């Protein structure tokens, strides 16, 4: 397995103000519904690495998420389309908060210097299961600087040491050589 345990202290519940970062109400009106605060015991733990903090996401992260998720080059190999507006980022963040509220598998924001620069998550994990799938996205400006390797190492430490998982899998697009190289360097083996 992977070595060190990380800090598992729970963070404070996120602030769920239904506002854009500029203070205005989001456009799209009726389709944007404020969510209730999530019980802090259901949030994923904060995980500190050398340069990063992996932490629960909140609506306050909408501007940062939109800054990277609107980039079509970054989303080229992902299962979701580039965000067209900050409302798309708010919908995503509300979906994540809904998963937190149900105690479902986690998404973490990857924070560097006070900004969310990407996300990483464990998926397809049921309580008591011994396996999960990891997925990730990182803003293009932060590629090839070791940030995702660092975030992935932190998540793997948490998965194997804290969650007692026995297997973590990842899937990549055949043409996504960067993610494939990252996973191989992190100790994954190719199975197909």
C-alpha atoms as a PDB file:
ATOM      1  CA  UNK A   1       0.000   0.000   0.000  1.00  0.00           C
ATOM      2  CA  UNK A   2       0.845   3.635   0.077  1.00  0.00           C
ATOM      3  CA  UNK A   3       2.712   4.999   3.104  1.00  0.00           C
ATOM      4  CA  UNK A   4       1.662   7.906   5.297  1.00  0.00           C
ATOM      5  CA  UNK A   5      -1.655   8.763   6.942  1.00  0.00           C
ATOM      6  CA  UNK A   6      -2.839  12.358   6.570  1.00  0.00           C
ATOM      7  CA  UNK A   7      -4.637  14.839   8.820  1.00  0.00           C
ATOM      8  CA  UNK A   8      -8.262  13.689   9.024  1.00  0.00           C
ATOM      9  CA  UNK A   9      -9.699  16.645  10.932  1.00  0.00           C
ATOM     10  CA  UNK A  10     -13.060  17.754   9.531  1.00  0.00           C
ATOM     11  CA  UNK A  11     -13.410  21.208   8.065  1.00  0.00           C
ATOM     12  CA  UNK A  12     -16.126  23.690   8.862  1.00  0.00           C
ATOM     13  CA  UNK A  13     -19.349  23.366   6.874  1.00  0.00           C
ATOM     14  CA  UNK A  14     -19.207  25.294   3.599  1.00  0.00           C
ATOM     15  CA  UNK A  15     -20.980  28.616   3.213  1.00  0.00           C
ATOM     16  CA  UNK A  16     -23.746  28.101   0.651  1.00  0.00           C
ATOM     17  CA  UNK A  17     -24.687  31.640  -0.337  1.00  0.00           C
ATOM     18  CA  UNK A  18     -26.476  31.613  -3.694  1.00  0.00           C
ATOM     19  CA  UNK A  19     -24.382  34.425  -5.141  1.00  0.00           C
ATOM     20  CA  UNK A  20     -21.796  34.717  -7.838  1.00  0.00           C
ATOM     21  CA  UNK A  21     -18.321  35.884  -6.785  1.00  0.00           C
ATOM     22  CA  UNK A  22     -19.199  39.434  -7.977  1.00  0.00           C
ATOM     23  CA  UNK A  23     -22.068  39.519  -5.432  1.00  0.00           C
ATOM     24  CA  UNK A  24     -24.847  39.318  -8.012  1.00  0.00           C
ATOM     25  CA  UNK A  25     -27.494  36.612  -8.015  1.00  0.00           C
ATOM     26  CA  UNK A  26     -26.668  33.938 -10.600  1.00  0.00           C
ATOM     27  CA  UNK A  27     -28.363  34.251 -13.955  1.00  0.00           C
ATOM     28  CA  UNK A  28     -30.591  31.347 -14.834  1.00  0.00           C
ATOM     29  CA  UNK A  29     -32.850  32.297 -11.924  1.00  0.00           C
ATOM     30  CA  UNK A  30     -35.320  29.520 -11.307  1.00  0.00           C
ATOM     31  CA  UNK A  31     -32.997  26.634 -12.172  1.00  0.00           C
ATOM     32  CA  UNK A  32     -30.469  27.641  -9.486  1.00  0.00           C
ATOM     33  CA  UNK A  33     -31.740  26.475  -6.095  1.00  0.00           C
ATOM     34  CA  UNK A  34     -29.766  27.240  -2.928  1.00  0.00           C
ATOM     35  CA  UNK A  35     -28.733  24.147  -1.017  1.00  0.00           C
ATOM     36  CA  UNK A  36     -28.821  23.583   2.703  1.00  0.00           C
ATOM     37  CA  UNK A  37     -25.555  23.509   4.643  1.00  0.00           C
ATOM     38  CA  UNK A  38     -24.061  20.036   4.884  1.00  0.00           C
ATOM     39  CA  UNK A  39     -23.465  18.335   8.235  1.00  0.00           C
ATOM     40  CA  UNK A  40     -19.706  18.712   8.749  1.00  0.00           C
ATOM     41  CA  UNK A  41     -19.405  15.048   9.781  1.00  0.00           C
ATOM     42  CA  UNK A  42     -20.371  14.066   6.217  1.00  0.00           C
ATOM     43  CA  UNK A  43     -17.707  16.177   4.532  1.00  0.00           C
ATOM     44  CA  UNK A  44     -14.523  14.590   3.251  1.00  0.00           C
ATOM     45  CA  UNK A  45     -11.507  15.262   5.466  1.00  0.00           C
ATOM     46  CA  UNK A  46      -8.992  17.984   4.657  1.00  0.00           C
ATOM     47  CA  UNK A  47      -5.784  16.436   3.372  1.00  0.00           C
ATOM     48  CA  UNK A  48      -2.594  18.492   3.493  1.00  0.00           C
ATOM     49  CA  UNK A  49       0.339  17.770   1.186  1.00  0.00           C
ATOM     50  CA  UNK A  50       3.602  19.670   0.783  1.00  0.00           C
ATOM     51  CA  UNK A  51       2.038  22.438  -1.367  1.00  0.00           C
ATOM     52  CA  UNK A  52      -1.669  21.659  -1.520  1.00  0.00           C
ATOM     53  CA  UNK A  53      -4.769  21.378   0.603  1.00  0.00           C
ATOM     54  CA  UNK A  54      -7.364  18.904  -0.636  1.00  0.00           C
ATOM     55  CA  UNK A  55     -10.621  20.105   0.871  1.00  0.00           C
ATOM     56  CA  UNK A  56     -14.403  19.979   0.524  1.00  0.00           C
ATOM     57  CA  UNK A  57     -15.811  22.226  -2.182  1.00  0.00           C
ATOM     58  CA  UNK A  58     -18.480  24.904  -1.615  1.00  0.00           C
ATOM     59  CA  UNK A  59     -20.378  27.422  -3.720  1.00  0.00           C
ATOM     60  CA  UNK A  60     -17.746  29.975  -2.720  1.00  0.00           C
ATOM     61  CA  UNK A  61     -15.396  28.133  -5.099  1.00  0.00           C
ATOM     62  CA  UNK A  62     -17.523  28.856  -8.183  1.00  0.00           C
ATOM     63  CA  UNK A  63     -15.206  31.476  -9.715  1.00  0.00           C
ATOM     64  CA  UNK A  64     -12.124  29.274  -9.283  1.00  0.00           C
ATOM     65  CA  UNK A  65     -13.908  26.221 -10.697  1.00  0.00           C
ATOM     66  CA  UNK A  66     -15.175  28.205 -13.670  1.00  0.00           C
ATOM     67  CA  UNK A  67     -11.662  29.562 -14.324  1.00  0.00           C
ATOM     68  CA  UNK A  68     -10.363  26.080 -15.155  1.00  0.00           C
ATOM     69  CA  UNK A  69     -13.562  24.220 -16.116  1.00  0.00           C
ATOM     70  CA  UNK A  70     -14.359  26.637 -18.967  1.00  0.00           C
ATOM     71  CA  UNK A  71     -11.178  25.619 -20.804  1.00  0.00           C
ATOM     72  CA  UNK A  72     -12.024  23.262 -23.693  1.00  0.00           C
ATOM     73  CA  UNK A  73      -8.410  22.076 -23.908  1.00  0.00           C
ATOM     74  CA  UNK A  74      -8.495  20.984 -20.252  1.00  0.00           C
ATOM     75  CA  UNK A  75     -11.831  19.182 -20.653  1.00  0.00           C
ATOM     76  CA  UNK A  76     -10.925  17.502 -23.956  1.00  0.00           C
ATOM     77  CA  UNK A  77     -10.535  14.018 -22.414  1.00  0.00           C
ATOM     78  CA  UNK A  78     -13.046  14.342 -19.579  1.00  0.00           C
ATOM     79  CA  UNK A  79     -16.557  12.935 -19.326  1.00  0.00           C
ATOM     80  CA  UNK A  80     -18.075  16.412 -18.969  1.00  0.00           C
ATOM     81  CA  UNK A  81     -18.172  19.440 -21.237  1.00  0.00           C
ATOM     82  CA  UNK A  82     -16.448  22.740 -20.559  1.00  0.00           C
ATOM     83  CA  UNK A  83     -18.519  25.069 -18.392  1.00  0.00           C
ATOM     84  CA  UNK A  84     -20.195  27.773 -20.461  1.00  0.00           C
ATOM     85  CA  UNK A  85     -20.993  30.081 -17.537  1.00  0.00           C
ATOM     86  CA  UNK A  86     -20.434  30.399 -13.828  1.00  0.00           C
ATOM     87  CA  UNK A  87     -23.925  28.938 -13.433  1.00  0.00           C
ATOM     88  CA  UNK A  88     -22.547  25.629 -14.794  1.00  0.00           C
ATOM     89  CA  UNK A  89     -19.922  25.715 -12.047  1.00  0.00           C
ATOM     90  CA  UNK A  90     -22.586  26.449  -9.421  1.00  0.00           C
ATOM     91  CA  UNK A  91     -24.688  23.517 -10.653  1.00  0.00           C
ATOM     92  CA  UNK A  92     -21.608  21.268 -10.352  1.00  0.00           C
ATOM     93  CA  UNK A  93     -20.842  22.536  -6.829  1.00  0.00           C
ATOM     94  CA  UNK A  94     -24.434  21.987  -5.745  1.00  0.00           C
ATOM     95  CA  UNK A  95     -24.292  18.452  -7.119  1.00  0.00           C
ATOM     96  CA  UNK A  96     -21.141  17.844  -5.070  1.00  0.00           C
ATOM     97  CA  UNK A  97     -22.802  19.281  -1.939  1.00  0.00           C
ATOM     98  CA  UNK A  98     -25.760  16.981  -2.517  1.00  0.00           C
ATOM     99  CA  UNK A  99     -23.403  14.008  -2.604  1.00  0.00           C
ATOM    100  CA  UNK A 100     -21.736  15.200   0.599  1.00  0.00           C
ATOM    101  CA  UNK A 101     -25.167  15.449   2.257  1.00  0.00           C
ATOM    102  CA  UNK A 102     -25.895  11.816   1.355  1.00  0.00           C
ATOM    103  CA  UNK A 103     -22.533  10.656   2.694  1.00  0.00           C
ATOM    104  CA  UNK A 104     -21.587   9.479  -0.795  1.00  0.00           C
ATOM    105  CA  UNK A 105     -18.049   9.251  -2.156  1.00  0.00           C
ATOM    106  CA  UNK A 106     -16.053  12.388  -2.205  1.00  0.00           C
ATOM    107  CA  UNK A 107     -14.863  15.182  -4.435  1.00  0.00           C
ATOM    108  CA  UNK A 108     -12.091  17.380  -3.101  1.00  0.00           C
ATOM    109  CA  UNK A 109     -11.024  20.773  -4.319  1.00  0.00           C
ATOM    110  CA  UNK A 110      -7.297  21.028  -4.984  1.00  0.00           C
ATOM    111  CA  UNK A 111      -6.278  24.290  -3.313  1.00  0.00           C
ATOM    112  CA  UNK A 112      -2.963  26.007  -3.974  1.00  0.00           C
ATOM    113  CA  UNK A 113      -2.152  29.492  -2.702  1.00  0.00           C
ATOM    114  CA  UNK A 114      -5.762  30.013  -1.623  1.00  0.00           C
ATOM    115  CA  UNK A 115      -7.321  29.086  -4.999  1.00  0.00           C
ATOM    116  CA  UNK A 116      -9.019  25.950  -6.265  1.00  0.00           C
ATOM    117  CA  UNK A 117      -6.974  24.823  -9.273  1.00  0.00           C
ATOM    118  CA  UNK A 118      -8.683  21.484  -9.881  1.00  0.00           C
ATOM    119  CA  UNK A 119     -10.585  18.607  -8.336  1.00  0.00           C
ATOM    120  CA  UNK A 120      -9.877  15.017  -7.431  1.00  0.00           C
ATOM    121  CA  UNK A 121     -12.328  12.435  -6.233  1.00  0.00           C
ATOM    122  CA  UNK A 122     -13.024   8.851  -5.262  1.00  0.00           C
ATOM    123  CA  UNK A 123     -16.031   7.383  -7.065  1.00  0.00           C
ATOM    124  CA  UNK A 124     -17.984   4.147  -7.331  1.00  0.00           C
ATOM    125  CA  UNK A 125     -17.284   3.414  -3.684  1.00  0.00           C
ATOM    126  CA  UNK A 126     -19.992   2.151  -1.405  1.00  0.00           C
ATOM    127  CA  UNK A 127     -19.655   2.158   2.383  1.00  0.00           C
ATOM    128  CA  UNK A 128     -17.835  -1.050   3.271  1.00  0.00           C
ATOM    129  CA  UNK A 129     -16.464  -1.558  -0.243  1.00  0.00           C
ATOM    130  CA  UNK A 130     -12.775  -2.249  -0.671  1.00  0.00           C
ATOM    131  CA  UNK A 131     -12.330  -0.487  -4.021  1.00  0.00           C
ATOM    132  CA  UNK A 132     -12.914   2.899  -5.607  1.00  0.00           C
ATOM    133  CA  UNK A 133     -12.167   4.755  -8.799  1.00  0.00           C
ATOM    134  CA  UNK A 134     -10.154   7.963  -8.779  1.00  0.00           C
ATOM    135  CA  UNK A 135     -10.844  10.809 -11.182  1.00  0.00           C
ATOM    136  CA  UNK A 136      -9.278  14.229 -11.502  1.00  0.00           C
ATOM    137  CA  UNK A 137      -9.189  17.517 -13.392  1.00  0.00           C
ATOM    138  CA  UNK A 138      -6.561  20.237 -13.186  1.00  0.00           C
ATOM    139  CA  UNK A 139      -6.459  23.714 -14.686  1.00  0.00           C
ATOM    140  CA  UNK A 140      -4.237  23.835 -17.767  1.00  0.00           C
ATOM    141  CA  UNK A 141      -1.977  26.514 -16.247  1.00  0.00           C
ATOM    142  CA  UNK A 142      -0.983  24.015 -13.530  1.00  0.00           C
ATOM    143  CA  UNK A 143      -0.101  21.028 -15.711  1.00  0.00           C
ATOM    144  CA  UNK A 144       3.405  19.510 -15.604  1.00  0.00           C
ATOM    145  CA  UNK A 145       4.307  21.084 -12.254  1.00  0.00           C
ATOM    146  CA  UNK A 146       3.753  18.029 -10.073  1.00  0.00           C
ATOM    147  CA  UNK A 147       0.467  19.290  -8.583  1.00  0.00           C
ATOM    148  CA  UNK A 148      -1.667  16.361  -9.711  1.00  0.00           C
ATOM    149  CA  UNK A 149       0.956  13.811  -8.693  1.00  0.00           C
ATOM    150  CA  UNK A 150       0.993  15.410  -5.240  1.00  0.00           C
ATOM    151  CA  UNK A 151      -2.832  15.449  -5.014  1.00  0.00           C
ATOM    152  CA  UNK A 152      -3.040  11.855  -6.253  1.00  0.00           C
ATOM    153  CA  UNK A 153      -0.502  10.699  -3.657  1.00  0.00           C
ATOM    154  CA  UNK A 154      -2.533  12.402  -0.921  1.00  0.00           C
ATOM    155  CA  UNK A 155      -5.761  10.749  -2.082  1.00  0.00           C
ATOM    156  CA  UNK A 156      -4.116   7.336  -2.377  1.00  0.00           C
ATOM    157  CA  UNK A 157      -2.708   7.643   1.148  1.00  0.00           C
ATOM    158  CA  UNK A 158      -6.223   8.447   2.382  1.00  0.00           C
ATOM    159  CA  UNK A 159      -7.802   5.626   0.357  1.00  0.00           C
ATOM    160  CA  UNK A 160      -5.417   2.906   1.499  1.00  0.00           C
ATOM    161  CA  UNK A 161      -4.602   4.052   5.042  1.00  0.00           C
ATOM    162  CA  UNK A 162      -7.759   5.784   6.289  1.00  0.00           C
ATOM    163  CA  UNK A 163     -10.490   4.096   4.229  1.00  0.00           C
ATOM    164  CA  UNK A 164      -8.771   0.685   4.183  1.00  0.00           C
ATOM    165  CA  UNK A 165      -9.375   0.255   0.452  1.00  0.00           C
ATOM    166  CA  UNK A 166      -7.520  -2.580  -1.238  1.00  0.00           C
ATOM    167  CA  UNK A 167      -7.793  -1.356  -4.822  1.00  0.00           C
ATOM    168  CA  UNK A 168      -8.060   2.030  -6.530  1.00  0.00           C
ATOM    169  CA  UNK A 169      -8.637   2.120 -10.282  1.00  0.00           C
ATOM    170  CA  UNK A 170      -8.579   4.897 -12.871  1.00  0.00           C
ATOM    171  CA  UNK A 171      -9.709   5.106 -16.470  1.00  0.00           C
ATOM    172  CA  UNK A 172      -8.231   7.372 -19.102  1.00  0.00           C
ATOM    173  CA  UNK A 173      -8.949   8.213 -22.706  1.00  0.00           C
ATOM    174  CA  UNK A 174      -6.544   6.346 -25.001  1.00  0.00           C
ATOM    175  CA  UNK A 175      -5.116   9.610 -26.335  1.00  0.00           C
ATOM    176  CA  UNK A 176      -4.612  11.167 -22.889  1.00  0.00           C
ATOM    177  CA  UNK A 177      -0.917  10.403 -22.597  1.00  0.00           C
ATOM    178  CA  UNK A 178      -0.350  12.842 -19.731  1.00  0.00           C
ATOM    179  CA  UNK A 179      -2.859  11.216 -17.385  1.00  0.00           C
ATOM    180  CA  UNK A 180      -1.675   7.759 -18.368  1.00  0.00           C
ATOM    181  CA  UNK A 181       1.941   8.675 -17.594  1.00  0.00           C
ATOM    182  CA  UNK A 182       0.877  10.236 -14.275  1.00  0.00           C
ATOM    183  CA  UNK A 183      -0.983   7.098 -13.218  1.00  0.00           C
ATOM    184  CA  UNK A 184       1.880   4.782 -14.191  1.00  0.00           C
ATOM    185  CA  UNK A 185       4.343   6.994 -12.285  1.00  0.00           C
ATOM    186  CA  UNK A 186       2.041   6.837  -9.236  1.00  0.00           C
ATOM    187  CA  UNK A 187       2.206   3.033  -9.218  1.00  0.00           C
ATOM    188  CA  UNK A 188      -0.895   2.094 -11.229  1.00  0.00           C
ATOM    189  CA  UNK A 189      -0.596  -0.767 -13.694  1.00  0.00           C
ATOM    190  CA  UNK A 190      -2.280  -0.861 -17.080  1.00  0.00           C
ATOM    191  CA  UNK A 191      -4.929  -3.550 -17.444  1.00  0.00           C
ATOM    192  CA  UNK A 192      -6.483  -2.949 -20.807  1.00  0.00           C
END
